[in-house]
Amino acid sequence: MTTALSEPLTPENYVRTANAIDRDGVFTKDYTRCVGDKLTVVGLRIGERPNHVVAFFGDTIVRHSAGMYSVARAVDGGA
């Protein structure tokens, strides 16, 4: 069984989403990029390397029954 989280990842629901995934026992971390000359959070890294996935703002995170996560990309490509 797979379950999409109810809404795309946004700066407004980012912390709540990360906390929910952490409660499932899956590591999460800010995903950052340089925007202009400033390091900016642009999404969420889910899982540990090398098997992690990255959800950018606008993407929808999907939880699979085995406790794994995948990402449905936003039509515009996320952040």
PDB file of N, CA and C in Angstrom:
ATOM      1  N   MET A   1       0.838  -1.186   0.000  1.00  0.00           N
ATOM      2  CA  MET A   1       0.000   0.000   0.000  1.00  0.00           C
ATOM      3  C   MET A   1       0.877   1.240   0.000  1.00  0.00           C
ATOM      4  N   THR A   2       0.509   2.224  -0.795  1.00  0.00           N
ATOM      5  CA  THR A   2       1.222   3.497  -0.799  1.00  0.00           C
ATOM      6  C   THR A   2       0.268   4.597  -0.367  1.00  0.00           C
ATOM      7  N   THR A   3       0.822   5.592   0.285  1.00  0.00           N
ATOM      8  CA  THR A   3       0.017   6.709   0.763  1.00  0.00           C
ATOM      9  C   THR A   3       0.729   8.010   0.445  1.00  0.00           C
ATOM     10  N   ALA A   4       0.082   8.861  -0.320  1.00  0.00           N
ATOM     11  CA  ALA A   4       0.650  10.188  -0.570  1.00  0.00           C
ATOM     12  C   ALA A   4       0.313  11.066   0.627  1.00  0.00           C
ATOM     13  N   LEU A   5       1.284  11.852   1.059  1.00  0.00           N
ATOM     14  CA  LEU A   5       0.965  12.822   2.095  1.00  0.00           C
ATOM     15  C   LEU A   5      -0.065  13.767   1.498  1.00  0.00           C
ATOM     16  N   SER A   6      -0.870  14.357   2.320  1.00  0.00           N
ATOM     17  CA  SER A   6      -2.077  15.028   1.851  1.00  0.00           C
ATOM     18  C   SER A   6      -1.854  16.269   0.997  1.00  0.00           C
ATOM     19  N   GLU A   7      -0.664  16.808   1.015  1.00  0.00           N
ATOM     20  CA  GLU A   7      -0.436  18.050   0.275  1.00  0.00           C
ATOM     21  C   GLU A   7       1.011  18.122  -0.190  1.00  0.00           C
ATOM     22  N   PRO A   8       1.272  18.915  -1.202  1.00  0.00           N
ATOM     23  CA  PRO A   8       2.665  19.088  -1.634  1.00  0.00           C
ATOM     24  C   PRO A   8       3.505  19.727  -0.521  1.00  0.00           C
ATOM     25  N   LEU A   9       4.793  19.456  -0.540  1.00  0.00           N
ATOM     26  CA  LEU A   9       5.720  20.038   0.427  1.00  0.00           C
ATOM     27  C   LEU A   9       5.847  21.538   0.163  1.00  0.00           C
ATOM     28  N   THR A  10       5.701  22.331   1.211  1.00  0.00           N
ATOM     29  CA  THR A  10       5.826  23.790   1.109  1.00  0.00           C
ATOM     30  C   THR A  10       6.672  24.300   2.272  1.00  0.00           C
ATOM     31  N   PRO A  11       7.154  25.531   2.183  1.00  0.00           N
ATOM     32  CA  PRO A  11       7.867  26.096   3.330  1.00  0.00           C
ATOM     33  C   PRO A  11       6.980  26.143   4.582  1.00  0.00           C
ATOM     34  N   GLU A  12       5.670  26.256   4.388  1.00  0.00           N
ATOM     35  CA  GLU A  12       4.753  26.355   5.527  1.00  0.00           C
ATOM     36  C   GLU A  12       4.531  25.004   6.224  1.00  0.00           C
ATOM     37  N   ASN A  13       4.553  23.888   5.489  1.00  0.00           N
ATOM     38  CA  ASN A  13       4.308  22.589   6.129  1.00  0.00           C
ATOM     39  C   ASN A  13       5.582  21.751   6.262  1.00  0.00           C
ATOM     40  N   TYR A  14       6.697  22.323   5.924  1.00  0.00           N
ATOM     41  CA  TYR A  14       7.979  21.627   5.918  1.00  0.00           C
ATOM     42  C   TYR A  14       8.315  20.998   7.269  1.00  0.00           C
ATOM     43  N   VAL A  15       8.256  21.762   8.344  1.00  0.00           N
ATOM     44  CA  VAL A  15       8.631  21.263   9.673  1.00  0.00           C
ATOM     45  C   VAL A  15       7.671  20.159  10.110  1.00  0.00           C
ATOM     46  N   ARG A  16       6.389  20.357   9.909  1.00  0.00           N
ATOM     47  CA  ARG A  16       5.389  19.343  10.277  1.00  0.00           C
ATOM     48  C   ARG A  16       5.623  18.051   9.505  1.00  0.00           C
ATOM     49  N   THR A  17       5.917  18.168   8.219  1.00  0.00           N
ATOM     50  CA  THR A  17       6.166  16.993   7.383  1.00  0.00           C
ATOM     51  C   THR A  17       7.432  16.269   7.828  1.00  0.00           C
ATOM     52  N   ALA A  18       8.495  17.010   8.066  1.00  0.00           N
ATOM     53  CA  ALA A  18       9.758  16.402   8.519  1.00  0.00           C
ATOM     54  C   ALA A  18       9.555  15.690   9.852  1.00  0.00           C
ATOM     55  N   ASN A  19       8.832  16.305  10.765  1.00  0.00           N
ATOM     56  CA  ASN A  19       8.584  15.683  12.073  1.00  0.00           C
ATOM     57  C   ASN A  19       7.775  14.402  11.931  1.00  0.00           C
ATOM     58  N   ALA A  20       6.780  14.383  11.057  1.00  0.00           N
ATOM     59  CA  ALA A  20       5.958  13.182  10.850  1.00  0.00           C
ATOM     60  C   ALA A  20       6.819  12.043  10.293  1.00  0.00           C
ATOM     61  N   ILE A  21       7.691  12.345   9.356  1.00  0.00           N
ATOM     62  CA  ILE A  21       8.563  11.313   8.786  1.00  0.00           C
ATOM     63  C   ILE A  21       9.567  10.836   9.826  1.00  0.00           C
ATOM     64  N   ASP A  22      10.113  11.761  10.604  1.00  0.00           N
ATOM     65  CA  ASP A  22      11.036  11.388  11.692  1.00  0.00           C
ATOM     66  C   ASP A  22      10.358  10.442  12.689  1.00  0.00           C
ATOM     67  N   ARG A  23       9.090  10.696  12.991  1.00  0.00           N
ATOM     68  CA  ARG A  23       8.360   9.820  13.924  1.00  0.00           C
ATOM     69  C   ARG A  23       8.230   8.398  13.374  1.00  0.00           C
ATOM     70  N   ASP A  24       8.275   8.251  12.060  1.00  0.00           N
ATOM     71  CA  ASP A  24       8.259   6.921  11.439  1.00  0.00           C
ATOM     72  C   ASP A  24       9.627   6.245  11.530  1.00  0.00           C
ATOM     73  N   GLY A  25      10.611   6.946  12.097  1.00  0.00           N
ATOM     74  CA  GLY A  25      11.951   6.378  12.232  1.00  0.00           C
ATOM     75  C   GLY A  25      12.825   6.559  11.009  1.00  0.00           C
ATOM     76  N   VAL A  26      12.438   7.496  10.137  1.00  0.00           N
ATOM     77  CA  VAL A  26      13.204   7.755   8.911  1.00  0.00           C
ATOM     78  C   VAL A  26      13.896   9.112   9.048  1.00  0.00           C
ATOM     79  N   PHE A  27      15.186   9.135   8.779  1.00  0.00           N
ATOM     80  CA  PHE A  27      15.997  10.340   8.886  1.00  0.00           C
ATOM     81  C   PHE A  27      15.555  11.399   7.881  1.00  0.00           C
ATOM     82  N   THR A  28      15.458  12.645   8.315  1.00  0.00           N
ATOM     83  CA  THR A  28      15.204  13.762   7.410  1.00  0.00           C
ATOM     84  C   THR A  28      16.204  14.882   7.692  1.00  0.00           C
ATOM     85  N   LYS A  29      16.440  15.681   6.683  1.00  0.00           N
ATOM     86  CA  LYS A  29      17.385  16.794   6.811  1.00  0.00           C
ATOM     87  C   LYS A  29      17.023  17.854   5.782  1.00  0.00           C
ATOM     88  N   ASP A  30      17.310  19.109   6.115  1.00  0.00           N
ATOM     89  CA  ASP A  30      17.136  20.193   5.144  1.00  0.00           C
ATOM     90  C   ASP A  30      17.900  19.869   3.868  1.00  0.00           C
ATOM     91  N   TYR A  31      17.314  20.211   2.729  1.00  0.00           N
ATOM     92  CA  TYR A  31      18.029  20.128   1.463  1.00  0.00           C
ATOM     93  C   TYR A  31      18.220  21.562   1.007  1.00  0.00           C
ATOM     94  N   THR A  32      19.472  21.974   0.858  1.00  0.00           N
ATOM     95  CA  THR A  32      19.776  23.377   0.583  1.00  0.00           C
ATOM     96  C   THR A  32      20.481  23.538  -0.759  1.00  0.00           C
ATOM     97  N   ARG A  33      20.333  24.726  -1.296  1.00  0.00           N
ATOM     98  CA  ARG A  33      21.032  25.139  -2.521  1.00  0.00           C
ATOM     99  C   ARG A  33      21.343  26.628  -2.400  1.00  0.00           C
ATOM    100  N   CYS A  34      22.333  27.059  -3.152  1.00  0.00           N
ATOM    101  CA  CYS A  34      22.620  28.488  -3.204  1.00  0.00           C
ATOM    102  C   CYS A  34      21.599  29.144  -4.116  1.00  0.00           C
ATOM    103  N   VAL A  35      20.905  30.117  -3.578  1.00  0.00           N
ATOM    104  CA  VAL A  35      19.951  30.912  -4.351  1.00  0.00           C
ATOM    105  C   VAL A  35      20.492  32.334  -4.303  1.00  0.00           C
ATOM    106  N   GLY A  36      20.965  32.788  -5.446  1.00  0.00           N
ATOM    107  CA  GLY A  36      21.703  34.051  -5.450  1.00  0.00           C
ATOM    108  C   GLY A  36      23.012  33.798  -4.729  1.00  0.00           C
ATOM    109  N   ASP A  37      23.273  34.543  -3.678  1.00  0.00           N
ATOM    110  CA  ASP A  37      24.486  34.309  -2.883  1.00  0.00           C
ATOM    111  C   ASP A  37      24.149  33.815  -1.481  1.00  0.00           C
ATOM    112  N   LYS A  38      22.924  33.282  -1.312  1.00  0.00           N
ATOM    113  CA  LYS A  38      22.477  32.837   0.006  1.00  0.00           C
ATOM    114  C   LYS A  38      22.129  31.349  -0.014  1.00  0.00           C
ATOM    115  N   LEU A  39      22.603  30.600   0.985  1.00  0.00           N
ATOM    116  CA  LEU A  39      22.245  29.196   1.133  1.00  0.00           C
ATOM    117  C   LEU A  39      20.806  29.131   1.644  1.00  0.00           C
ATOM    118  N   THR A  40      19.941  28.441   0.907  1.00  0.00           N
ATOM    119  CA  THR A  40      18.502  28.453   1.177  1.00  0.00           C
ATOM    120  C   THR A  40      17.953  27.033   1.205  1.00  0.00           C
ATOM    121  N   VAL A  41      17.055  26.761   2.150  1.00  0.00           N
ATOM    122  CA  VAL A  41      16.362  25.470   2.177  1.00  0.00           C
ATOM    123  C   VAL A  41      15.386  25.439   1.011  1.00  0.00           C
ATOM    124  N   VAL A  42      15.513  24.394   0.161  1.00  0.00           N
ATOM    125  CA  VAL A  42      14.647  24.268  -1.016  1.00  0.00           C
ATOM    126  C   VAL A  42      13.848  22.970  -0.997  1.00  0.00           C
ATOM    127  N   GLY A  43      14.044  22.178   0.064  1.00  0.00           N
ATOM    128  CA  GLY A  43      13.320  20.912   0.143  1.00  0.00           C
ATOM    129  C   GLY A  43      13.769  20.093   1.330  1.00  0.00           C
ATOM    130  N   LEU A  44      13.478  18.798   1.247  1.00  0.00           N
ATOM    131  CA  LEU A  44      13.701  17.883   2.355  1.00  0.00           C
ATOM    132  C   LEU A  44      14.382  16.624   1.843  1.00  0.00           C
ATOM    133  N   ARG A  45      15.492  16.255   2.472  1.00  0.00           N
ATOM    134  CA  ARG A  45      16.146  14.988   2.167  1.00  0.00           C
ATOM    135  C   ARG A  45      15.537  13.933   3.076  1.00  0.00           C
ATOM    136  N   ILE A  46      15.138  12.801   2.514  1.00  0.00           N
ATOM    137  CA  ILE A  46      14.461  11.750   3.264  1.00  0.00           C
ATOM    138  C   ILE A  46      15.281  10.469   3.150  1.00  0.00           C
ATOM    139  N   GLY A  47      15.677   9.922   4.285  1.00  0.00           N
ATOM    140  CA  GLY A  47      16.480   8.707   4.301  1.00  0.00           C
ATOM    141  C   GLY A  47      17.958   9.027   4.339  1.00  0.00           C
ATOM    142  N   GLU A  48      18.754   7.970   4.461  1.00  0.00           N
ATOM    143  CA  GLU A  48      20.202   8.125   4.541  1.00  0.00           C
ATOM    144  C   GLU A  48      20.851   7.761   3.221  1.00  0.00           C
ATOM    145  N   ARG A  49      21.975   8.400   2.951  1.00  0.00           N
ATOM    146  CA  ARG A  49      22.719   8.125   1.726  1.00  0.00           C
ATOM    147  C   ARG A  49      23.205   6.691   1.746  1.00  0.00           C
ATOM    148  N   PRO A  50      23.270   6.018   0.647  1.00  0.00           N
ATOM    149  CA  PRO A  50      23.050   6.492  -0.714  1.00  0.00           C
ATOM    150  C   PRO A  50      21.615   6.301  -1.192  1.00  0.00           C
ATOM    151  N   ASN A  51      20.730   5.829  -0.340  1.00  0.00           N
ATOM    152  CA  ASN A  51      19.367   5.495  -0.777  1.00  0.00           C
ATOM    153  C   ASN A  51      18.335   6.561  -0.432  1.00  0.00           C
ATOM    154  N   HIS A  52      18.769   7.780  -0.227  1.00  0.00           N
ATOM    155  CA  HIS A  52      17.835   8.845   0.133  1.00  0.00           C
ATOM    156  C   HIS A  52      17.106   9.376  -1.108  1.00  0.00           C
ATOM    157  N   VAL A  53      16.018  10.080  -0.857  1.00  0.00           N
ATOM    158  CA  VAL A  53      15.312  10.802  -1.916  1.00  0.00           C
ATOM    159  C   VAL A  53      15.199  12.259  -1.487  1.00  0.00           C
ATOM    160  N   VAL A  54      15.021  13.138  -2.439  1.00  0.00           N
ATOM    161  CA  VAL A  54      14.882  14.563  -2.151  1.00  0.00           C
ATOM    162  C   VAL A  54      13.533  15.035  -2.671  1.00  0.00           C
ATOM    163  N   ALA A  55      12.785  15.689  -1.790  1.00  0.00           N
ATOM    164  CA  ALA A  55      11.528  16.327  -2.182  1.00  0.00           C
ATOM    165  C   ALA A  55      11.753  17.833  -2.163  1.00  0.00           C
ATOM    166  N   PHE A  56      11.540  18.454  -3.303  1.00  0.00           N
ATOM    167  CA  PHE A  56      11.629  19.911  -3.377  1.00  0.00           C
ATOM    168  C   PHE A  56      10.267  20.498  -3.042  1.00  0.00           C
ATOM    169  N   PHE A  57      10.249  21.760  -2.649  1.00  0.00           N
ATOM    170  CA  PHE A  57       8.972  22.431  -2.406  1.00  0.00           C
ATOM    171  C   PHE A  57       8.126  22.317  -3.666  1.00  0.00           C
ATOM    172  N   GLY A  58       6.891  21.899  -3.495  1.00  0.00           N
ATOM    173  CA  GLY A  58       5.983  21.677  -4.614  1.00  0.00           C
ATOM    174  C   GLY A  58       5.794  20.204  -4.922  1.00  0.00           C
ATOM    175  N   ASP A  59       6.753  19.359  -4.535  1.00  0.00           N
ATOM    176  CA  ASP A  59       6.649  17.917  -4.751  1.00  0.00           C
ATOM    177  C   ASP A  59       5.743  17.289  -3.691  1.00  0.00           C
ATOM    178  N   THR A  60       5.201  16.112  -4.001  1.00  0.00           N
ATOM    179  CA  THR A  60       4.398  15.359  -3.044  1.00  0.00           C
ATOM    180  C   THR A  60       5.185  14.131  -2.610  1.00  0.00           C
ATOM    181  N   ILE A  61       5.267  13.911  -1.309  1.00  0.00           N
ATOM    182  CA  ILE A  61       5.996  12.781  -0.743  1.00  0.00           C
ATOM    183  C   ILE A  61       5.041  11.596  -0.635  1.00  0.00           C
ATOM    184  N   VAL A  62       5.514  10.425  -1.044  1.00  0.00           N
ATOM    185  CA  VAL A  62       4.691   9.217  -1.024  1.00  0.00           C
ATOM    186  C   VAL A  62       5.343   8.207  -0.085  1.00  0.00           C
ATOM    187  N   ARG A  63       4.549   7.707   0.883  1.00  0.00           N
ATOM    188  CA  ARG A  63       5.038   6.674   1.810  1.00  0.00           C
ATOM    189  C   ARG A  63       4.545   5.325   1.330  1.00  0.00           C
ATOM    190  N   HIS A  64       5.479   4.376   1.237  1.00  0.00           N
ATOM    191  CA  HIS A  64       5.143   3.021   0.812  1.00  0.00           C
ATOM    192  C   HIS A  64       5.025   2.119   2.037  1.00  0.00           C
ATOM    193  N   SER A  65       4.307   1.023   1.908  1.00  0.00           N
ATOM    194  CA  SER A  65       4.002   0.159   3.044  1.00  0.00           C
ATOM    195  C   SER A  65       5.245  -0.394   3.736  1.00  0.00           C
ATOM    196  N   ALA A  66       6.323  -0.555   3.032  1.00  0.00           N
ATOM    197  CA  ALA A  66       7.550  -1.083   3.631  1.00  0.00           C
ATOM    198  C   ALA A  66       8.318  -0.010   4.401  1.00  0.00           C
ATOM    199  N   GLY A  67       7.722   1.168   4.572  1.00  0.00           N
ATOM    200  CA  GLY A  67       8.382   2.251   5.287  1.00  0.00           C
ATOM    201  C   GLY A  67       9.332   3.059   4.419  1.00  0.00           C
ATOM    202  N   MET A  68       9.298   2.826   3.126  1.00  0.00           N
ATOM    203  CA  MET A  68      10.130   3.570   2.195  1.00  0.00           C
ATOM    204  C   MET A  68       9.352   4.779   1.683  1.00  0.00           C
ATOM    205  N   TYR A  69      10.085   5.761   1.185  1.00  0.00           N
ATOM    206  CA  TYR A  69       9.471   6.970   0.654  1.00  0.00           C
ATOM    207  C   TYR A  69       9.925   7.197  -0.777  1.00  0.00           C
ATOM    208  N   SER A  70       9.058   7.792  -1.558  1.00  0.00           N
ATOM    209  CA  SER A  70       9.401   8.246  -2.898  1.00  0.00           C
ATOM    210  C   SER A  70       8.786   9.622  -3.079  1.00  0.00           C
ATOM    211  N   VAL A  71       9.069  10.241  -4.216  1.00  0.00           N
ATOM    212  CA  VAL A  71       8.616  11.606  -4.453  1.00  0.00           C
ATOM    213  C   VAL A  71       7.910  11.682  -5.788  1.00  0.00           C
ATOM    214  N   ALA A  72       6.710  12.285  -5.788  1.00  0.00           N
ATOM    215  CA  ALA A  72       6.000  12.600  -7.023  1.00  0.00           C
ATOM    216  C   ALA A  72       6.353  14.053  -7.338  1.00  0.00           C
ATOM    217  N   ARG A  73       7.074  14.244  -8.416  1.00  0.00           N
ATOM    218  CA  ARG A  73       7.557  15.585  -8.765  1.00  0.00           C
ATOM    219  C   ARG A  73       6.417  16.501  -9.165  1.00  0.00           C
ATOM    220  N   ALA A  74       6.556  17.754  -8.792  1.00  0.00           N
ATOM    221  CA  ALA A  74       5.604  18.776  -9.211  1.00  0.00           C
ATOM    222  C   ALA A  74       5.704  18.946 -10.727  1.00  0.00           C
ATOM    223  N   VAL A  75       4.620  19.326 -11.341  1.00  0.00           N
ATOM    224  CA  VAL A  75       4.585  19.510 -12.799  1.00  0.00           C
ATOM    225  C   VAL A  75       5.642  20.522 -13.228  1.00  0.00           C
ATOM    226  N   ASP A  76       5.857  21.568 -12.440  1.00  0.00           N
ATOM    227  CA  ASP A  76       6.829  22.592 -12.815  1.00  0.00           C
ATOM    228  C   ASP A  76       8.236  22.245 -12.363  1.00  0.00           C
ATOM    229  N   GLY A  77       8.442  21.048 -11.807  1.00  0.00           N
ATOM    230  CA  GLY A  77       9.782  20.618 -11.427  1.00  0.00           C
ATOM    231  C   GLY A  77      10.175  20.954 -10.005  1.00  0.00           C
ATOM    232  N   GLY A  78       9.227  21.368  -9.174  1.00  0.00           N
ATOM    233  CA  GLY A  78       9.561  21.681  -7.781  1.00  0.00           C
ATOM    234  C   GLY A  78      10.244  23.026  -7.683  1.00  0.00           C
ATOM    235  N   ALA A  79      11.229  23.129  -6.765  1.00  0.00           N
ATOM    236  CA  ALA A  79      11.904  24.409  -6.520  1.00  0.00           C
ATOM    237  C   ALA A  79      12.864  24.754  -7.620  1.00  0.00           C
TER     238      ALA A  79
END
